[in-house]
Amino acid sequence: MTKPRLVVIGGGLGGHKIAHALQSAMETVLIDPKSFWEIPMAMPRQLVRPAELDSIVAFQRFLPKVRHIQARAVAVTPELVRVDGGEDVRFDYLVVATGANYRSALVKPLEGDAASRIEYYRSLNAQVTAAGRILIVGAGPIGVEIAGELSEEFPEKIVTLMEREGRLLPHASEKLSSWAAEALAKRGVNLVVGDELLSPVAPGSDVDTAGGEAVTGAGRRIAYDLALWCLGARSDATFLAQNFPDAVNDRGEVIVNACLQAAGAQNVFALGDATNFPAKGGVPLHGQVKVMQRNLLEIARVGPAARLLPFKPPPALDLAVISLGRNAGVMKLPFGEFRAGWMARAFKSRDMLVGHLRKDIGV
């Protein structure tokens, strides 16, 4: 019996797990412009100690039965995915797992192989090591974690963390925001909140190694040797829009039903930040992965008549674990808010979840 063909677009936090779970049950193809999966939580640690965490894993190490097409999907029809090299890839079932995309490789790699990504971190670490004054623009979780790593590893450096909203972590609770600000300020990090950067303009790489002087709306002038922009990401599944106009909203998200099927396309699925589910992040993604793995395995066993289970979003817990280096962090958990160092190490800060996520795929 011929196995149905599953094509997964995107090998990130959700896509690599779908491909890993289905590689024996279906003829599985992964489309991703990278040759590796990177554990994104490790990025702030990589800036200060690029050899400490093994957070970059080649797809071939854990997807031996998967055909990997190292390219970018540019269009989807009801039966084919077209990639930017011109190849048409046939599918019976499609999973869109492109996540949230950043405009540069600073936070999330855009393409290339593992060796080039490792060299990127080594080069950036050399710039960080050489810089005496470092400016971080954007105090969401990534910016705060970078400030935490820098201030712990290089206490002699002048680190400035800038956020145009009125506080750090503007989407977290006020208590977590206050605790993070207090911890960073005690380490000497200069916190500039409620002020907007007028110049310089962020370069395409989100990394300015030339140095200079930043000018803010309030008239501050901040000298820097290295500047990093951490301004967030957005979903982009517009490659579906031409042939499935009802499946993509104006934010570039895939509109899905309870079974994670794209609107108007029962053989197209999506999960994670690529979808219009309001709850984003690791907790809802974990549940979506489990449901999708089960549903696709059932399809592989039974065929199109398989009974699909719906994804039930977890309660709105507003969970957050923000690392502030190897020995500190702030957390909002189901049973309260905390800033104990031992808890931060246990939940995330020790290895930035690398060991846990590698264990999931047996590497």
Protein backbone atom coordinates (compact mmCIF):
# COMPACT_ATOMS: atom_id res chain seq x y z
CA MET A 1 0.00 0.00 0.00
CA THR A 2 1.37 3.39 -1.01
CA LYS A 3 1.88 5.75 1.87
CA PRO A 4 0.25 9.18 1.61
CA ARG A 5 2.70 12.02 1.08
CA LEU A 6 2.99 14.63 3.83
CA VAL A 7 4.75 17.91 3.13
CA VAL A 8 5.76 20.08 6.08
CA ILE A 9 6.68 23.71 5.41
CA GLY A 10 8.99 24.92 8.16
CA GLY A 11 11.18 22.85 10.46
CA GLY A 12 11.00 25.05 13.56
CA LEU A 13 9.60 24.31 17.02
CA GLY A 14 6.44 22.66 15.70
CA GLY A 15 7.34 21.52 12.18
CA HIS A 16 10.37 19.42 13.12
CA LYS A 17 8.25 17.46 15.63
CA ILE A 18 5.55 16.73 13.05
CA ALA A 19 8.13 15.52 10.53
CA HIS A 20 9.87 13.45 13.22
CA ALA A 21 6.66 11.75 14.37
CA LEU A 22 5.32 11.04 10.86
CA GLN A 23 8.49 10.06 9.00
CA SER A 24 7.73 6.34 9.20
CA ALA A 25 3.95 6.49 8.79
CA MET A 26 3.91 8.76 5.74
CA GLU A 27 6.20 9.64 2.87
CA THR A 28 7.39 12.85 4.51
CA VAL A 29 8.98 15.88 2.86
CA LEU A 30 10.28 18.90 4.75
CA ILE A 31 10.61 22.26 2.99
CA ASP A 32 12.91 24.65 4.84
CA PRO A 33 15.63 27.02 3.55
CA LYS A 34 17.88 25.86 6.41
CA SER A 35 19.56 22.48 6.77
CA PHE A 36 19.12 22.46 10.54
CA TRP A 37 16.79 23.11 13.45
CA GLU A 38 17.88 25.68 15.99
CA ILE A 39 16.49 25.84 19.51
CA PRO A 40 15.54 29.54 19.58
CA MET A 41 15.54 29.95 23.36
CA ALA A 42 19.33 29.51 23.35
CA MET A 43 20.03 32.56 21.19
CA PRO A 44 20.78 35.02 24.06
CA ARG A 45 23.27 32.53 25.58
CA GLN A 46 24.91 31.97 22.19
CA LEU A 47 25.83 35.66 22.05
CA VAL A 48 27.99 35.42 25.16
CA ARG A 49 29.11 31.76 25.07
CA PRO A 50 28.68 30.37 21.55
CA ALA A 51 30.26 27.02 22.43
CA GLU A 52 28.29 26.33 25.63
CA LEU A 53 25.01 24.95 24.28
CA ASP A 54 24.50 22.42 21.48
CA SER A 55 21.40 24.19 20.18
CA ILE A 56 21.88 23.66 16.45
CA VAL A 57 20.87 20.23 15.11
CA ALA A 58 21.14 19.17 11.47
CA PHE A 59 17.86 17.77 10.14
CA GLN A 60 19.61 14.64 8.86
CA ARG A 61 20.55 13.69 12.43
CA PHE A 62 16.95 13.06 13.50
CA LEU A 63 14.94 12.93 10.27
CA PRO A 64 16.65 10.05 8.42
CA LYS A 65 13.49 9.05 6.52
CA VAL A 66 12.50 12.59 5.54
CA ARG A 67 13.34 14.17 2.22
CA HIS A 68 14.54 17.69 2.93
CA ILE A 69 14.18 20.34 0.23
CA GLN A 70 16.36 23.28 1.20
CA ALA A 71 14.27 26.05 -0.31
CA ARG A 72 11.48 28.47 0.50
CA ALA A 73 7.81 27.83 -0.32
CA VAL A 74 6.43 30.57 -2.56
CA ALA A 75 2.99 29.23 -3.57
CA VAL A 76 0.56 26.43 -2.76
CA THR A 77 -2.16 24.86 -4.91
CA PRO A 78 -4.61 22.18 -3.70
CA GLU A 79 -2.02 19.51 -4.63
CA LEU A 80 1.39 21.17 -5.01
CA VAL A 81 3.88 23.36 -3.18
CA ARG A 82 6.07 25.50 -5.41
CA VAL A 83 9.48 26.42 -4.02
CA ASP A 84 11.74 29.29 -4.96
CA GLY A 85 14.01 27.01 -6.99
CA GLY A 86 11.09 26.28 -9.33
CA GLU A 87 10.39 22.71 -8.18
CA ASP A 88 6.78 21.61 -7.67
CA VAL A 89 6.33 19.27 -4.70
CA ARG A 90 3.20 17.12 -4.72
CA PHE A 91 1.37 16.43 -1.47
CA ASP A 92 -1.63 14.54 -0.16
CA TYR A 93 -1.48 16.43 3.13
CA LEU A 94 0.28 19.68 3.95
CA VAL A 95 1.33 21.20 7.28
CA VAL A 96 2.21 24.90 7.45
CA ALA A 97 4.59 25.38 10.39
CA THR A 98 6.42 28.56 9.40
CA GLY A 99 5.98 30.16 12.82
CA ALA A 100 6.74 33.82 13.36
CA ASN A 101 9.36 35.28 11.06
CA TYR A 102 11.98 37.87 11.93
CA ARG A 103 13.35 40.19 9.28
CA SER A 104 16.97 39.27 10.04
CA ALA A 105 19.02 36.32 11.25
CA LEU A 106 19.78 37.85 14.66
CA VAL A 107 17.01 36.01 16.54
CA LYS A 108 15.98 33.34 14.04
CA PRO A 109 18.11 32.01 11.17
CA LEU A 110 16.61 32.56 7.76
CA GLU A 111 18.60 30.10 5.62
CA GLY A 112 21.92 28.26 5.33
CA ASP A 113 23.61 25.31 7.02
CA ALA A 114 24.61 24.57 10.59
CA ALA A 115 28.27 25.51 10.05
CA SER A 116 27.35 28.97 8.79
CA ARG A 117 25.02 29.54 11.74
CA ILE A 118 27.72 28.53 14.22
CA GLU A 119 30.15 30.88 12.48
CA TYR A 120 27.52 33.65 12.68
CA TYR A 121 27.42 33.31 16.46
CA ARG A 122 31.20 33.19 16.74
CA SER A 123 31.50 36.37 14.70
CA LEU A 124 28.79 38.14 16.67
CA ASN A 125 30.34 37.00 19.94
CA ALA A 126 33.63 38.55 18.85
CA GLN A 127 31.81 41.85 18.26
CA VAL A 128 30.10 41.59 21.66
CA THR A 129 33.41 40.85 23.38
CA ALA A 130 35.14 43.79 21.73
CA ALA A 131 32.36 46.33 22.39
CA GLY A 132 32.55 48.42 25.54
CA ARG A 133 29.11 49.99 25.09
CA ILE A 134 26.17 47.90 23.86
CA LEU A 135 22.71 49.23 23.00
CA ILE A 136 19.71 46.87 22.87
CA VAL A 137 16.60 48.28 21.19
CA GLY A 138 13.42 46.52 22.30
CA ALA A 139 12.75 45.19 25.81
CA GLY A 140 10.46 42.30 25.07
CA PRO A 141 11.54 38.82 26.23
CA ILE A 142 14.44 38.54 23.76
CA GLY A 143 15.86 41.99 24.54
CA VAL A 144 15.55 41.46 28.29
CA GLU A 145 17.21 38.04 28.10
CA ILE A 146 20.09 39.43 26.04
CA ALA A 147 20.57 42.20 28.60
CA GLY A 148 20.56 39.56 31.34
CA GLU A 149 23.22 37.47 29.62
CA LEU A 150 25.44 40.46 28.79
CA SER A 151 25.26 41.98 32.26
CA GLU A 152 26.09 38.65 33.89
CA GLU A 153 28.92 37.65 31.55
CA PHE A 154 30.43 41.11 31.04
CA PRO A 155 29.72 43.21 34.15
CA GLU A 156 32.32 45.76 33.05
CA LYS A 157 30.43 46.68 29.85
CA ILE A 158 28.00 49.59 29.59
CA VAL A 159 24.71 47.99 28.51
CA THR A 160 21.68 50.12 27.65
CA LEU A 161 18.25 48.53 27.17
CA MET A 162 15.69 50.73 25.42
CA GLU A 163 11.91 50.27 25.17
CA ARG A 164 9.48 52.79 23.70
CA GLU A 165 6.65 51.51 25.90
CA GLY A 166 6.55 52.63 29.53
CA ARG A 167 8.16 49.52 31.01
CA LEU A 168 10.21 46.44 30.25
CA LEU A 169 8.28 43.35 29.11
CA PRO A 170 5.23 45.44 28.18
CA HIS A 171 3.11 42.36 27.48
CA ALA A 172 3.96 40.61 30.76
CA SER A 173 2.55 41.38 34.18
CA GLU A 174 3.66 44.55 35.93
CA LYS A 175 5.24 42.47 38.70
CA LEU A 176 7.46 40.55 36.28
CA SER A 177 8.34 43.80 34.53
CA SER A 178 9.29 45.45 37.82
CA TRP A 179 11.35 42.47 38.99
CA ALA A 180 13.26 42.26 35.69
CA ALA A 181 13.96 46.01 35.78
CA GLU A 182 15.17 45.81 39.37
CA ALA A 183 17.49 42.87 38.65
CA LEU A 184 19.02 44.46 35.55
CA ALA A 185 19.41 47.87 37.20
CA LYS A 186 21.28 46.25 40.11
CA ARG A 187 23.76 44.90 37.58
CA GLY A 188 24.28 48.36 36.13
CA VAL A 189 22.15 48.08 32.99
CA ASN A 190 20.90 51.49 31.88
CA LEU A 191 17.14 51.26 31.35
CA VAL A 192 15.52 53.73 28.97
CA VAL A 193 11.74 53.27 28.82
CA GLY A 194 8.94 55.37 27.39
CA ASP A 195 11.28 56.88 24.82
CA GLU A 196 11.57 56.22 21.09
CA LEU A 197 14.71 55.81 19.05
CA LEU A 198 14.92 58.42 16.29
CA SER A 199 18.31 57.48 14.89
CA PRO A 200 20.03 55.43 13.74
CA VAL A 201 17.58 53.42 11.67
CA ALA A 202 17.85 49.68 12.20
CA PRO A 203 20.02 48.07 9.51
CA GLY A 204 18.66 45.10 7.63
CA SER A 205 20.74 42.76 9.77
CA ASP A 206 19.42 44.29 13.03
CA VAL A 207 23.08 44.49 14.11
CA ASP A 208 25.10 47.71 13.95
CA THR A 209 28.78 46.99 14.48
CA ALA A 210 29.99 50.40 13.26
CA GLY A 211 29.09 52.19 16.48
CA GLY A 212 27.92 55.76 16.86
CA GLU A 213 25.42 57.77 18.85
CA ALA A 214 21.74 57.02 19.23
CA VAL A 215 19.30 59.92 19.49
CA THR A 216 15.89 59.50 21.16
CA GLY A 217 12.63 61.40 21.02
CA ALA A 218 13.27 62.82 24.48
CA GLY A 219 16.64 64.19 23.37
CA ARG A 220 18.85 61.54 24.94
CA ARG A 221 22.15 60.79 23.23
CA ILE A 222 23.49 57.30 23.83
CA ALA A 223 26.96 56.40 22.60
CA TYR A 224 27.40 52.77 21.56
CA ASP A 225 29.94 50.47 19.96
CA LEU A 226 27.42 47.75 19.11
CA ALA A 227 23.64 47.98 18.74
CA LEU A 228 21.14 45.11 18.53
CA TRP A 229 17.50 45.52 17.47
CA CYS A 230 15.05 43.03 19.02
CA LEU A 231 11.75 44.27 17.70
CA GLY A 232 9.62 41.15 17.40
CA ALA A 233 8.24 39.08 14.54
CA ARG A 234 5.11 38.44 12.55
CA SER A 235 3.46 35.46 10.88
CA ASP A 236 3.78 35.15 7.12
CA ALA A 237 1.78 32.48 5.34
CA THR A 238 0.93 34.67 2.36
CA PHE A 239 2.20 31.95 0.01
CA LEU A 240 -1.22 30.32 0.59
CA ALA A 241 -3.22 33.40 -0.32
CA GLN A 242 -3.28 33.13 -4.12
CA ASN A 243 -5.10 29.81 -4.25
CA PHE A 244 -6.65 29.84 -0.76
CA PRO A 245 -7.73 33.47 -0.26
CA ASP A 246 -10.07 32.58 2.60
CA ALA A 247 -7.31 30.78 4.50
CA VAL A 248 -5.05 33.77 5.29
CA ASN A 249 -6.02 36.85 7.29
CA ASP A 250 -4.62 40.37 6.98
CA ARG A 251 -1.93 39.56 9.56
CA GLY A 252 -0.51 36.78 7.40
CA GLU A 253 -1.89 34.05 9.70
CA VAL A 254 -3.55 30.83 8.54
CA ILE A 255 -7.20 30.73 9.56
CA VAL A 256 -7.81 27.26 10.99
CA ASN A 257 -10.72 25.34 12.46
CA ALA A 258 -10.67 23.38 15.71
CA CYS A 259 -8.89 20.46 14.01
CA LEU A 260 -6.18 22.84 12.75
CA GLN A 261 -7.33 22.57 9.13
CA ALA A 262 -6.97 25.68 6.97
CA ALA A 263 -10.21 27.36 5.90
CA GLY A 264 -11.35 25.92 2.59
CA ALA A 265 -8.66 23.23 2.44
CA GLN A 266 -9.29 20.06 4.43
CA ASN A 267 -5.93 18.51 3.50
CA VAL A 268 -3.97 21.60 4.59
CA PHE A 269 -3.14 21.96 8.29
CA ALA A 270 -1.31 24.67 10.24
CA LEU A 271 -0.07 25.12 13.78
CA GLY A 272 1.74 27.47 16.13
CA ASP A 273 2.42 31.13 15.47
CA ALA A 274 1.51 30.62 11.80
CA THR A 275 -2.17 30.32 12.79
CA ASN A 276 -4.83 32.77 13.90
CA PHE A 277 -5.15 31.20 17.35
CA PRO A 278 -4.78 34.15 19.76
CA ALA A 279 -2.72 32.11 22.23
CA LYS A 280 0.88 31.99 21.01
CA GLY A 281 4.02 30.41 22.43
CA GLY A 282 5.19 27.06 23.71
CA VAL A 283 2.21 25.94 25.83
CA PRO A 284 -0.47 26.07 23.11
CA LEU A 285 2.04 24.87 20.49
CA HIS A 286 2.77 21.76 22.56
CA GLY A 287 -0.93 20.90 22.62
CA GLN A 288 -1.33 21.57 18.90
CA VAL A 289 1.63 19.33 18.05
CA LYS A 290 0.16 16.45 20.06
CA VAL A 291 -3.25 16.77 18.41
CA MET A 292 -1.79 17.09 14.91
CA GLN A 293 0.53 14.14 15.38
CA ARG A 294 -2.38 11.99 16.48
CA ASN A 295 -4.65 13.16 13.64
CA LEU A 296 -2.05 12.64 10.91
CA LEU A 297 -1.12 9.21 12.25
CA GLU A 298 -4.83 8.32 12.16
CA ILE A 299 -5.06 9.58 8.58
CA ALA A 300 -2.04 7.44 7.67
CA ARG A 301 -3.79 4.41 9.20
CA VAL A 302 -7.38 4.93 8.07
CA GLY A 303 -7.24 7.39 5.18
CA PRO A 304 -9.31 10.53 4.48
CA ALA A 305 -12.25 9.14 6.50
CA ALA A 306 -10.22 9.31 9.71
CA ARG A 307 -11.96 10.92 12.66
CA LEU A 308 -9.99 13.98 13.67
CA LEU A 309 -9.77 15.24 17.22
CA PRO A 310 -10.08 18.98 17.87
CA PHE A 311 -7.41 21.05 19.57
CA LYS A 312 -8.66 22.41 22.86
CA PRO A 313 -6.81 25.61 23.76
CA PRO A 314 -5.47 25.60 27.32
CA PRO A 315 -6.82 28.09 29.82
CA ALA A 316 -5.46 31.61 29.43
CA LEU A 317 -2.63 31.20 31.93
CA ASP A 318 -0.35 33.92 30.54
CA LEU A 319 2.74 31.83 31.30
CA ALA A 320 6.19 33.36 31.03
CA VAL A 321 9.72 32.31 31.97
CA ILE A 322 12.26 35.04 31.30
CA SER A 323 15.90 34.16 31.89
CA LEU A 324 18.31 36.81 33.20
CA GLY A 325 21.50 34.82 32.74
CA ARG A 326 22.45 31.41 34.10
CA ASN A 327 21.49 32.19 37.68
CA ALA A 328 18.42 34.42 37.60
CA GLY A 329 15.04 34.94 36.00
CA VAL A 330 11.42 35.95 36.48
CA MET A 331 8.50 33.59 35.98
CA LYS A 332 4.74 33.56 35.81
CA LEU A 333 3.60 29.98 36.39
CA PRO A 334 0.13 28.46 36.99
CA PHE A 335 0.73 28.63 40.75
CA GLY A 336 2.17 32.14 41.03
CA GLU A 337 4.88 34.63 40.06
CA PHE A 338 8.47 34.06 41.14
CA ARG A 339 12.00 35.40 40.88
CA ALA A 340 13.99 32.80 42.80
CA GLY A 341 17.29 31.98 41.15
CA TRP A 342 17.01 28.23 41.77
CA MET A 343 13.61 28.17 40.07
CA ALA A 344 14.91 30.09 37.08
CA ARG A 345 17.75 27.58 36.69
CA ALA A 346 15.39 24.63 37.01
CA PHE A 347 12.84 25.89 34.52
CA LYS A 348 15.06 27.49 31.88
CA SER A 349 18.23 29.36 32.74
CA ARG A 350 20.58 26.42 33.21
CA ASP A 351 20.59 25.37 29.55
CA MET A 352 17.81 27.47 27.96
CA LEU A 353 15.67 24.31 27.44
CA VAL A 354 18.21 22.77 25.07
CA GLY A 355 18.44 19.43 26.90
CA HIS A 356 14.67 19.06 27.16
CA LEU A 357 13.98 19.82 23.51
CA ARG A 358 16.80 17.64 22.19
CA LYS A 359 15.52 14.74 24.31
CA ASP A 360 12.13 15.04 22.59
CA ILE A 361 13.71 13.98 19.27
CA GLY A 362 16.29 11.57 20.67
CA VAL A 363 19.50 13.52 19.99
